[in-house]
Protein backbone atom coordinates (compact mmCIF):
# COMPACT_ATOMS: atom_id res chain seq x y z
CA MET A 1 93.86 88.94 119.50
CA PRO A 2 96.69 88.65 121.86
CA GLY A 3 97.47 90.65 124.55
CA ASP A 4 95.55 93.72 126.01
CA GLY A 5 95.19 95.76 122.85
CA LYS A 6 96.56 98.48 124.33
CA THR A 7 100.66 97.51 122.93
CA ILE A 8 102.19 96.61 119.60
CA ASP A 9 104.39 93.84 119.66
CA ASP A 10 105.27 94.17 116.07
CA PRO A 11 108.54 96.51 116.33
CA GLU A 12 107.98 97.15 112.01
CA LEU A 13 104.02 98.19 112.92
CA LEU A 14 105.44 100.28 115.90
CA MET A 15 107.84 102.02 114.28
CA GLU A 16 105.34 102.48 111.72
CA ALA A 17 102.84 103.34 113.43
CA MET A 18 105.19 105.85 115.49
CA GLU A 19 106.77 108.16 112.33
CA ALA A 20 103.08 107.84 111.52
CA ARG A 21 101.95 109.36 114.40
CA GLU A 22 104.90 111.92 114.60
CA GLU A 23 104.18 112.65 110.47
CA LEU A 24 100.58 113.88 112.10
CA HIS A 25 101.22 115.86 115.02
CA GLU A 26 103.82 117.74 112.51
CA ALA A 27 101.07 118.37 110.04
CA GLY A 28 100.74 122.00 109.70
CA SER A 29 97.56 122.31 106.98
CA ILE A 30 94.39 120.59 106.54
CA ALA A 31 95.29 119.48 103.42
CA GLN A 32 98.71 117.10 104.61
CA VAL A 33 96.32 115.67 107.26
CA ASP A 34 93.95 114.40 104.57
CA ALA A 35 96.80 113.22 102.34
CA LEU A 36 97.70 111.14 105.01
CA ALA A 37 94.49 109.99 105.94
CA ALA A 38 94.06 108.93 102.32
CA LYS A 39 97.22 107.27 102.73
CA VAL A 40 95.81 105.48 105.33
CA ARG A 41 92.34 104.55 103.61
CA ASP A 42 94.45 103.36 100.79
CA GLU A 43 96.41 101.20 103.17
CA LEU A 44 93.42 99.35 104.82
CA GLN A 45 91.75 98.45 101.80
CA ARG A 46 94.66 97.00 100.56
CA ALA A 47 94.62 95.45 103.74
CA LEU A 48 91.31 94.26 103.69
CA ALA A 49 91.36 92.45 100.53
CA GLY A 50 94.54 90.43 101.72
CA LEU A 51 92.70 89.57 105.21
CA ALA A 52 90.39 86.93 102.76
CA ARG A 53 93.32 85.55 100.97
CA LEU A 54 94.61 84.87 105.34
CA PHE A 55 91.06 83.30 106.12
CA LEU A 56 90.96 81.26 102.83
CA ALA A 57 95.25 79.86 103.64
CA ASN A 58 94.35 79.22 107.19
CA ASP A 59 96.95 81.39 107.94
CA LYS A 60 97.19 82.74 111.76
CA PRO A 61 100.08 84.52 112.43
CA ALA A 62 99.37 86.07 108.88
CA ILE A 63 95.98 86.20 109.92
CA ARG A 64 97.03 87.81 113.60
CA LYS A 65 98.60 90.61 111.66
CA ALA A 66 97.04 91.76 109.20
CA LEU A 67 94.15 92.66 112.04
CA LEU A 68 96.78 93.90 114.46
CA ARG A 69 97.63 96.29 111.50
CA LEU A 70 94.08 97.04 110.61
CA ARG A 71 93.64 98.40 114.19
CA TYR A 72 96.57 100.75 113.99
CA LEU A 73 95.36 101.74 110.90
CA ASP A 74 91.96 102.06 112.21
CA LYS A 75 92.83 104.05 114.87
CA PHE A 76 95.06 106.04 112.98
CA ALA A 77 92.27 107.18 110.89
CA GLU A 78 90.86 108.27 114.47
CA GLU A 79 93.33 109.94 114.78
CA ALA A 80 93.28 111.86 111.61
CA ARG A 81 89.88 112.69 111.88
CA ALA A 82 90.89 114.61 115.46
CA ARG A 83 93.92 116.84 114.62
CA ARG A 84 91.91 117.63 111.06
CA SER A 85 89.30 118.96 113.69
CA ASN A 86 91.87 120.87 115.62
CA LEU A 87 92.97 122.24 112.83
CA GLY A 88 89.93 123.14 111.50
CA THR A 89 89.10 125.22 115.11
CA ASN A 90 92.25 126.70 115.38
CA LEU A 91 91.62 128.23 111.57
CA GLY A 92 88.94 129.63 112.88
CA LYS A 93 90.06 131.39 115.76
CA SER A 94 92.55 133.14 113.71
C-alpha cells in the first residue's frame, strides 16, 4: 500500500470516513451504534467479495482503492466496538 498507512488519499473515501465517524460520534445509544456496525459489516462483505474479481482482472489501481477501503471499514468497525463499549459503561453508571 502506498503512503504511510495513516491517511486516506482518496477524497471520496475520506469524505465517507469523516461522515461515518461523525455519525458514530453522535450515536447516543447502543442500538444506533449496532446499526452503524451492521452497515459496515455488510460493506466489508461486499468489498471482500469484489476483491477477488479485481485480482483476477489484475486491476492494480482498483485493488489499491479496495484495500484502502477495507482498511477504513476495519478501522471503523474497531471504533464502533469501542463506542459501544463506552456507551455500555456509561449506561451502567446511570
